């Protein structure tokens, strides 16, 4: 049987099929190895650290390098030896730890610490808008540092995981603080927090109906206190009543109603979050002046400027002051009182985030790939990217969404 003669086109196709063919290659995300620095905190008697030794061991086993400044974990009861055994390198000066590619901190760095940083580094820490100064922002911009605030970082469903965790701790801890400063031992009112048979219960007012309020109210109700919650968002008030599973007094923030209620309060807890970067003083100095002598104010919103006009920032070593005969407790890092627990909570959030960023190819890739992570950025390579921070200081800002467009 004779072979059928091929046409010219068939012969050409057969011939060219033997040549090497061009093909689009799949672009893969290269795993990035991070160089992470954990400095020792020097501000406000901060005791927390961002990662536990167990978290460090996991990161090291995944190819990352971690440097820990000596005694950085001491306040959380994690020794240098534990970090060293986990695979971290212990360094003995801040200058060394600030050589790292990514700096993980709790408190915002001081201007001296920013001086040790270099362009291209990433910083993840708190920003604390309440006592933020323009010099701090300008120093970061000058250094061209990419800074993320954990107050702004969201998760995939729009929640704020770090704020949520620290709020749970603050809400659970605040009633222990209240009991402490109501006692005669601390020159307080000399009353028990809660209630006993035949004695009227302690009256606790909570301003704000978020996570702090939920946990604080649960603790106070468990002790038998009379709890009242104020917030201007009705959906939050409904939510907290549903979560607590019982009826309790709730109200919108009305000046007259609140002023009358505060006159009989034993404990007032400020737990109102700033909206769009602006703190709101919903309790005026006049209201405070009409409160009972030796009653107690605990302003947990102080890191954002506070929600009580008479509040002034205090420290763990000197946590209280008196004004108009009312005791004020205004420590911004309440979770630092239980630093071991708080460090475990932070580490549980930071560790998977770092591992995910490594899979994406680095912090910059993580920022531009995940909107929820991008929300944390407030300075990026010499540009301020948060409008409300820029407005606070009269500075120019760059919309980070436009930076994404320019990048691609």
Protein backbone atom coordinates (compact mmCIF):
# COMPACT_ATOMS: atom_id res chain seq x y z
CA UNK A 1 0.00 0.00 0.00
CA UNK A 2 1.51 3.28 -1.07
CA UNK A 3 1.80 6.14 1.44
CA UNK A 4 -0.44 9.06 0.68
CA UNK A 5 1.58 12.06 -0.42
CA UNK A 6 1.41 14.93 2.09
CA UNK A 7 0.46 18.43 1.08
CA UNK A 8 2.90 21.28 1.55
CA UNK A 9 1.08 22.54 4.64
CA UNK A 10 1.08 19.07 6.24
CA UNK A 11 4.76 18.65 5.63
CA UNK A 12 5.49 22.08 7.12
CA UNK A 13 3.37 21.31 10.22
CA UNK A 14 5.16 18.02 10.77
CA UNK A 15 8.53 19.67 10.42
CA UNK A 16 7.82 22.62 12.77
CA UNK A 17 6.30 20.34 15.41
CA UNK A 18 9.80 19.03 16.03
CA UNK A 19 11.10 22.51 16.93
CA UNK A 20 11.19 23.73 20.58
CA UNK A 21 7.88 25.44 21.34
CA UNK A 22 7.33 28.64 23.38
CA UNK A 23 5.09 28.15 26.39
CA UNK A 24 3.86 30.51 29.11
CA UNK A 25 5.43 29.44 32.35
CA UNK A 26 3.38 29.57 35.53
CA UNK A 27 4.56 32.32 37.85
CA UNK A 28 5.03 30.76 41.25
CA UNK A 29 5.24 32.58 44.56
CA UNK A 30 8.70 32.03 45.96
CA UNK A 31 8.78 31.38 49.69
CA UNK A 32 10.47 34.25 51.50
CA UNK A 33 12.75 33.79 54.50
CA UNK A 34 12.25 36.55 57.06
CA UNK A 35 14.84 38.12 59.33
CA UNK A 36 12.77 39.14 62.37
CA UNK A 37 13.87 41.33 65.28
CA UNK A 38 12.18 41.39 68.70
CA UNK A 39 13.44 44.45 70.63
CA UNK A 40 13.12 44.92 74.38
CA UNK A 41 10.28 47.34 75.15
CA UNK A 42 11.38 50.57 76.85
CA UNK A 43 8.11 52.56 76.92
CA UNK A 44 5.41 52.71 79.62
CA UNK A 45 6.74 49.70 81.58
CA UNK A 46 5.55 47.46 78.75
CA UNK A 47 6.00 43.78 79.68
CA UNK A 48 4.65 42.04 76.59
CA UNK A 49 6.60 40.65 73.63
CA UNK A 50 5.16 39.71 70.23
CA UNK A 51 6.24 36.07 69.97
CA UNK A 52 6.57 33.22 72.47
CA UNK A 53 9.57 30.83 72.35
CA UNK A 54 7.29 28.13 70.87
CA UNK A 55 6.32 30.50 68.04
CA UNK A 56 9.99 31.34 67.46
CA UNK A 57 10.81 27.61 67.21
CA UNK A 58 8.08 27.17 64.58
CA UNK A 59 9.37 30.12 62.55
CA UNK A 60 12.99 28.96 62.77
CA UNK A 61 11.98 25.46 61.68
CA UNK A 62 10.35 27.07 58.64
CA UNK A 63 13.61 28.72 57.61
CA UNK A 64 13.25 32.15 59.23
CA UNK A 65 15.88 33.92 61.32
CA UNK A 66 14.85 35.51 64.63
CA UNK A 67 16.96 37.83 66.77
CA UNK A 68 15.78 38.65 70.30
CA UNK A 69 17.23 41.48 72.38
CA UNK A 70 18.36 40.19 75.77
CA UNK A 71 15.66 40.23 78.47
CA UNK A 72 13.00 41.22 75.90
CA UNK A 73 10.77 38.40 77.15
CA UNK A 74 11.54 38.75 80.86
CA UNK A 75 8.37 40.76 81.61
CA UNK A 76 6.28 37.94 80.12
CA UNK A 77 8.28 35.30 82.04
CA UNK A 78 10.10 34.02 78.96
CA UNK A 79 13.86 33.81 79.56
CA UNK A 80 16.68 34.32 77.06
CA UNK A 81 17.47 30.61 77.42
CA UNK A 82 13.97 29.64 76.25
CA UNK A 83 14.37 31.80 73.14
CA UNK A 84 17.91 30.53 72.53
CA UNK A 85 16.76 26.90 72.85
CA UNK A 86 14.00 27.70 70.35
CA UNK A 87 16.62 28.72 67.79
CA UNK A 88 16.67 32.50 68.20
CA UNK A 89 19.87 34.49 68.39
CA UNK A 90 20.13 36.56 71.57
CA UNK A 91 21.67 40.00 70.92
CA UNK A 92 22.83 42.44 73.55
CA UNK A 93 22.08 45.87 72.10
CA UNK A 94 19.12 47.53 70.37
CA UNK A 95 21.43 48.51 67.50
CA UNK A 96 21.87 44.83 66.66
CA UNK A 97 18.20 43.85 66.84
CA UNK A 98 17.21 46.82 64.66
CA UNK A 99 19.25 45.36 61.80
CA UNK A 100 16.37 42.95 61.17
CA UNK A 101 14.18 43.09 58.07
CA UNK A 102 10.95 43.02 60.11
CA UNK A 103 10.66 44.60 63.56
CA UNK A 104 7.87 43.18 65.74
CA UNK A 105 7.07 45.44 68.69
CA UNK A 106 4.24 46.18 71.10
CA UNK A 107 4.59 49.90 71.83
CA UNK A 108 5.44 52.35 69.01
CA UNK A 109 9.21 52.86 68.71
CA UNK A 110 10.71 55.98 70.24
CA UNK A 111 12.45 58.54 68.00
CA UNK A 112 15.81 57.10 69.16
CA UNK A 113 14.69 53.63 68.09
CA UNK A 114 13.50 54.94 64.72
CA UNK A 115 16.97 56.45 64.21
CA UNK A 116 18.38 52.90 64.30
CA UNK A 117 16.07 51.80 61.47
CA UNK A 118 16.83 51.92 57.76
CA UNK A 119 14.89 52.31 54.49
CA UNK A 120 12.97 49.26 53.40
CA UNK A 121 12.41 47.83 56.85
CA UNK A 122 8.94 46.79 58.00
CA UNK A 123 7.61 47.71 61.43
CA UNK A 124 4.58 46.11 63.07
CA UNK A 125 3.56 47.69 66.38
CA UNK A 126 0.82 49.72 68.03
CA UNK A 127 0.37 53.32 66.87
CA UNK A 128 -1.58 54.74 69.88
CA UNK A 129 -3.27 57.67 68.19
CA UNK A 130 -4.17 59.28 71.53
CA UNK A 131 -0.64 60.49 72.18
CA UNK A 132 0.82 60.23 68.70
CA UNK A 133 3.02 63.17 67.66
CA UNK A 134 3.82 64.52 64.22
CA UNK A 135 7.56 64.01 64.89
CA UNK A 136 6.99 60.26 65.11
CA UNK A 137 5.29 60.08 61.71
CA UNK A 138 7.88 62.38 60.12
CA UNK A 139 10.72 60.24 61.46
CA UNK A 140 9.21 57.09 59.92
CA UNK A 141 8.62 58.87 56.62
CA UNK A 142 12.20 60.15 56.57
CA UNK A 143 13.48 56.61 57.10
CA UNK A 144 11.14 55.25 54.38
CA UNK A 145 9.92 52.51 56.74
CA UNK A 146 6.80 50.50 55.90
CA UNK A 147 4.84 50.65 59.17
CA UNK A 148 1.72 48.70 60.10
CA UNK A 149 -0.39 49.40 63.20
CA UNK A 150 -1.98 46.40 64.83
CA UNK A 151 -4.97 48.63 65.73
CA UNK A 152 -5.72 48.76 61.98
CA UNK A 153 -4.92 45.19 60.85
CA UNK A 154 -8.07 43.23 60.03
CA UNK A 155 -8.82 39.59 59.34
CA UNK A 156 -10.56 38.08 56.33
CA UNK A 157 -14.04 38.80 57.69
CA UNK A 158 -13.36 42.43 58.63
CA UNK A 159 -12.68 41.88 62.33
CA UNK A 160 -9.66 43.24 64.18
CA UNK A 161 -8.03 40.14 65.70
CA UNK A 162 -5.34 41.85 67.78
CA UNK A 163 -7.71 44.50 69.13
CA UNK A 164 -10.27 41.77 69.86
CA UNK A 165 -7.74 39.67 71.79
CA UNK A 166 -6.41 42.59 73.83
CA UNK A 167 -9.97 43.81 74.46
CA UNK A 168 -10.95 40.40 75.83
CA UNK A 169 -8.00 40.57 78.21
CA UNK A 170 -8.71 44.19 79.20
CA UNK A 171 -12.39 43.45 79.84
CA UNK A 172 -11.56 40.42 81.95
CA UNK A 173 -8.86 42.30 83.89
CA UNK A 174 -10.68 45.57 84.48
CA UNK A 175 -12.92 44.20 87.22
CA UNK A 176 -9.87 42.98 89.14
CA UNK A 177 -8.49 46.53 88.91
CA UNK A 178 -11.83 47.97 90.05
CA UNK A 179 -11.95 45.65 93.06
CA UNK A 180 -8.40 46.65 93.94
CA UNK A 181 -9.05 50.41 93.96
CA UNK A 182 -12.45 50.21 95.63
CA UNK A 183 -10.84 48.53 98.65
CA UNK A 184 -9.90 50.31 101.86
CA UNK A 185 -6.32 49.04 101.41
CA UNK A 186 -5.93 51.46 98.47
CA UNK A 187 -7.83 54.32 100.14
CA UNK A 188 -10.91 53.60 98.05
CA UNK A 189 -14.58 53.60 98.98
CA UNK A 190 -14.16 50.46 101.04
CA UNK A 191 -16.88 48.55 99.22
CA UNK A 192 -16.96 45.07 97.75
CA UNK A 193 -17.25 44.84 93.98
CA UNK A 194 -20.57 43.08 93.51
CA UNK A 195 -23.19 42.49 96.15
CA UNK A 196 -24.03 40.40 99.17
CA UNK A 197 -27.28 39.61 100.95
CA UNK A 198 -28.94 42.67 102.45
CA UNK A 199 -26.46 45.18 100.95
CA UNK A 200 -27.12 47.18 97.76
CA UNK A 201 -24.87 46.02 94.89
CA UNK A 202 -22.00 48.07 93.47
CA UNK A 203 -23.10 50.19 90.50
CA UNK A 204 -20.89 49.77 87.42
CA UNK A 205 -21.30 52.04 84.38
CA UNK A 206 -19.67 50.91 81.11
CA UNK A 207 -19.35 53.43 78.27
CA UNK A 208 -19.09 51.53 75.00
CA UNK A 209 -20.68 48.23 74.00
CA UNK A 210 -17.83 46.43 72.27
CA UNK A 211 -15.66 43.48 73.27
CA UNK A 212 -14.27 45.19 76.40
CA UNK A 213 -17.81 45.91 77.58
CA UNK A 214 -18.91 42.34 76.92
CA UNK A 215 -16.14 40.79 79.03
CA UNK A 216 -16.24 43.48 81.73
CA UNK A 217 -20.02 43.19 82.08
CA UNK A 218 -19.86 39.40 82.27
CA UNK A 219 -17.31 39.60 85.11
CA UNK A 220 -19.26 42.31 86.96
CA UNK A 221 -22.59 40.50 86.64
CA UNK A 222 -20.96 37.30 87.87
CA UNK A 223 -19.93 39.16 91.03
CA UNK A 224 -23.45 40.51 91.51
CA UNK A 225 -22.89 44.14 90.47
CA UNK A 226 -25.58 46.38 88.98
CA UNK A 227 -24.36 46.99 85.39
CA UNK A 228 -25.45 49.71 82.97
CA UNK A 229 -24.04 50.06 79.43
CA UNK A 230 -24.08 53.18 77.24
CA UNK A 231 -23.33 53.35 73.52
CA UNK A 232 -24.65 55.35 70.56
CA UNK A 233 -24.92 52.25 68.32
CA UNK A 234 -28.15 50.39 69.04
CA UNK A 235 -26.95 47.27 67.21
CA UNK A 236 -24.00 47.05 69.63
CA UNK A 237 -26.31 47.38 72.62
CA UNK A 238 -28.55 44.61 71.25
CA UNK A 239 -25.51 42.46 70.51
CA UNK A 240 -24.04 42.75 74.01
CA UNK A 241 -27.41 41.93 75.64
CA UNK A 242 -27.70 38.86 73.41
CA UNK A 243 -24.14 37.72 74.21
CA UNK A 244 -24.62 38.19 77.94
CA UNK A 245 -27.90 36.29 77.80
CA UNK A 246 -29.76 38.48 80.26
CA UNK A 247 -31.64 41.73 80.55
CA UNK A 248 -29.64 44.71 81.77
CA UNK A 249 -29.95 48.48 81.50
CA UNK A 250 -28.68 49.87 78.20
CA UNK A 251 -28.95 53.39 76.82
CA UNK A 252 -27.71 55.63 74.07
CA UNK A 253 -25.23 58.28 75.19
CA UNK A 254 -27.49 61.10 76.26
CA UNK A 255 -25.83 63.94 78.19
CA UNK A 256 -28.64 64.42 80.70
CA UNK A 257 -29.30 60.71 81.33
CA UNK A 258 -25.62 59.87 81.61
CA UNK A 259 -24.91 62.83 83.89
CA UNK A 260 -27.64 61.73 86.32
CA UNK A 261 -26.50 58.10 86.21
CA UNK A 262 -22.86 58.99 86.91
CA UNK A 263 -23.87 60.73 90.17
CA UNK A 264 -24.67 57.35 91.72
CA UNK A 265 -21.93 55.26 90.06
CA UNK A 266 -19.24 53.43 92.04
CA UNK A 267 -17.19 52.42 88.97
CA UNK A 268 -17.14 54.01 85.50
CA UNK A 269 -15.34 52.13 82.71
CA UNK A 270 -14.51 54.03 79.53
CA UNK A 271 -14.40 51.53 76.67
CA UNK A 272 -15.40 53.64 73.69
CA UNK A 273 -13.29 53.23 70.58
CA UNK A 274 -12.28 56.25 68.52
CA UNK A 275 -14.09 56.51 65.18
CA UNK A 276 -12.12 57.62 62.12
CA UNK A 277 -9.16 58.37 64.39
CA UNK A 278 -11.07 60.92 66.49
CA UNK A 279 -11.45 60.39 70.23
CA UNK A 280 -14.74 61.50 71.79
CA UNK A 281 -14.98 62.90 75.31
CA UNK A 282 -18.52 61.86 76.16
CA UNK A 283 -18.03 62.39 79.91
CA UNK A 284 -17.27 66.04 80.68
CA UNK A 285 -15.29 67.39 83.61
CA UNK A 286 -18.51 68.82 85.04
CA UNK A 287 -20.05 65.33 85.10
CA UNK A 288 -16.98 63.98 86.88
CA UNK A 289 -17.11 66.77 89.46
CA UNK A 290 -20.64 65.63 90.45
CA UNK A 291 -19.62 61.99 91.00
CA UNK A 292 -19.41 60.49 94.50
CA UNK A 293 -16.10 60.95 96.41
CA UNK A 294 -13.72 57.99 96.07
CA UNK A 295 -15.66 56.57 93.12
CA UNK A 296 -13.46 55.10 90.41
CA UNK A 297 -12.94 55.86 86.71
CA UNK A 298 -11.02 53.38 84.56
CA UNK A 299 -10.50 54.84 81.08
CA UNK A 300 -9.48 51.98 78.79
CA UNK A 301 -9.79 54.29 75.76
CA UNK A 302 -6.81 56.35 76.91
CA UNK A 303 -4.50 54.94 74.21
CA UNK A 304 -6.78 56.69 71.67
CA UNK A 305 -7.14 59.89 73.68
CA UNK A 306 -9.72 58.70 76.19
CA UNK A 307 -13.50 59.15 76.34
CA UNK A 308 -13.51 61.01 79.68
CA UNK A 309 -12.40 64.63 79.72
CA UNK A 310 -10.47 64.41 82.99
CA UNK A 311 -8.40 61.38 81.91
CA UNK A 312 -4.61 61.69 81.72
CA UNK A 313 -2.29 58.89 80.71
CA UNK A 314 -0.72 57.00 83.63
CA UNK A 315 1.76 54.13 83.94
CA UNK A 316 1.82 50.72 85.60
CA UNK A 317 4.22 52.08 88.26
CA UNK A 318 1.97 55.07 89.01
CA UNK A 319 -1.46 54.03 87.70
CA UNK A 320 -3.88 56.38 89.51
CA UNK A 321 -4.50 60.03 90.32
CA UNK A 322 -7.40 61.93 91.86
CA UNK A 323 -9.41 64.73 90.34
CA UNK A 324 -12.55 66.20 91.95
CA UNK A 325 -12.16 63.50 94.59
CA UNK A 326 -12.58 60.74 91.96
CA UNK A 327 -9.88 58.08 91.48
CA UNK A 328 -8.71 57.84 87.84
CA UNK A 329 -6.94 54.77 86.43
CA UNK A 330 -5.70 55.55 82.90
CA UNK A 331 -3.01 53.01 81.96
CA UNK A 332 -2.95 52.45 78.16
CA UNK A 333 -1.41 48.96 78.30
CA UNK A 334 -3.75 47.22 80.77
CA UNK A 335 -3.10 43.87 79.07
CA UNK A 336 0.53 44.23 80.17
CA UNK A 337 -0.61 43.47 83.73
CA UNK A 338 -1.07 39.88 82.55
CA UNK A 339 1.81 39.90 80.10
CA UNK A 340 2.26 36.13 79.82
CA UNK A 341 -1.35 35.61 78.74
CA UNK A 342 -1.26 38.64 76.43
CA UNK A 343 1.97 37.47 74.77
CA UNK A 344 0.45 34.06 74.06
CA UNK A 345 -2.60 35.75 72.51
CA UNK A 346 -0.46 38.04 70.32
CA UNK A 347 1.80 35.19 69.26
CA UNK A 348 -1.20 33.13 68.15
CA UNK A 349 -2.09 35.95 65.73
CA UNK A 350 1.35 37.03 64.52
CA UNK A 351 2.79 33.55 63.85
CA UNK A 352 0.34 32.38 61.14
CA UNK A 353 0.41 35.89 59.62
CA UNK A 354 4.20 35.78 59.26
CA UNK A 355 4.07 32.27 57.79
CA UNK A 356 1.44 33.40 55.29
CA UNK A 357 3.51 36.47 54.35
CA UNK A 358 6.49 34.18 53.72
CA UNK A 359 4.39 32.04 51.38
CA UNK A 360 3.30 35.18 49.50
CA UNK A 361 6.91 36.28 49.02
CA UNK A 362 7.42 38.94 51.71
CA UNK A 363 5.71 41.75 53.58
CA UNK A 364 5.23 43.86 50.44
CA UNK A 365 3.61 40.99 48.57
CA UNK A 366 1.41 40.31 51.58
CA UNK A 367 0.29 43.95 51.65
CA UNK A 368 -0.68 44.02 48.00
CA UNK A 369 -2.22 40.55 47.94
CA UNK A 370 -4.41 40.76 51.02
CA UNK A 371 -6.65 43.77 51.60
CA UNK A 372 -7.20 42.88 55.26
CA UNK A 373 -3.45 43.05 55.92
CA UNK A 374 -3.07 46.21 53.84
CA UNK A 375 -5.52 47.95 56.17
CA UNK A 376 -2.75 47.99 58.79
CA UNK A 377 -0.34 50.10 56.70
CA UNK A 378 0.00 53.76 57.68
CA UNK A 379 3.42 54.60 56.16
CA UNK A 380 4.77 53.04 52.99
CA UNK A 381 8.22 53.83 51.57
CA UNK A 382 8.21 57.48 52.61
CA UNK A 383 4.49 58.13 52.11
CA UNK A 384 1.72 58.47 54.71
CA UNK A 385 -1.23 56.28 53.67
CA UNK A 386 -3.90 56.90 56.36
CA UNK A 387 -6.13 59.90 55.68
CA UNK A 388 -7.26 60.43 59.29
CA UNK A 389 -3.66 60.34 60.56
CA UNK A 390 -2.66 62.87 57.88
CA UNK A 391 -5.59 65.10 58.80
CA UNK A 392 -4.64 64.98 62.48
CA UNK A 393 -1.25 66.57 61.75
CA UNK A 394 -1.99 68.50 58.55
CA UNK A 395 0.25 66.23 56.48
CA UNK A 396 -0.10 64.99 52.90
CA UNK A 397 -1.06 61.39 52.32
CA UNK A 398 -1.06 58.91 49.44
CA UNK A 399 -3.99 56.60 48.84
CA UNK A 400 -2.51 53.11 49.06
CA UNK A 401 -5.02 51.83 46.47
CA UNK A 402 -3.40 54.20 43.95
CA UNK A 403 0.00 52.79 44.91
CA UNK A 404 -1.31 49.34 44.03
CA UNK A 405 -2.43 50.60 40.62
CA UNK A 406 0.97 52.20 40.01
CA UNK A 407 2.72 49.03 41.08
CA UNK A 408 0.94 46.95 38.47
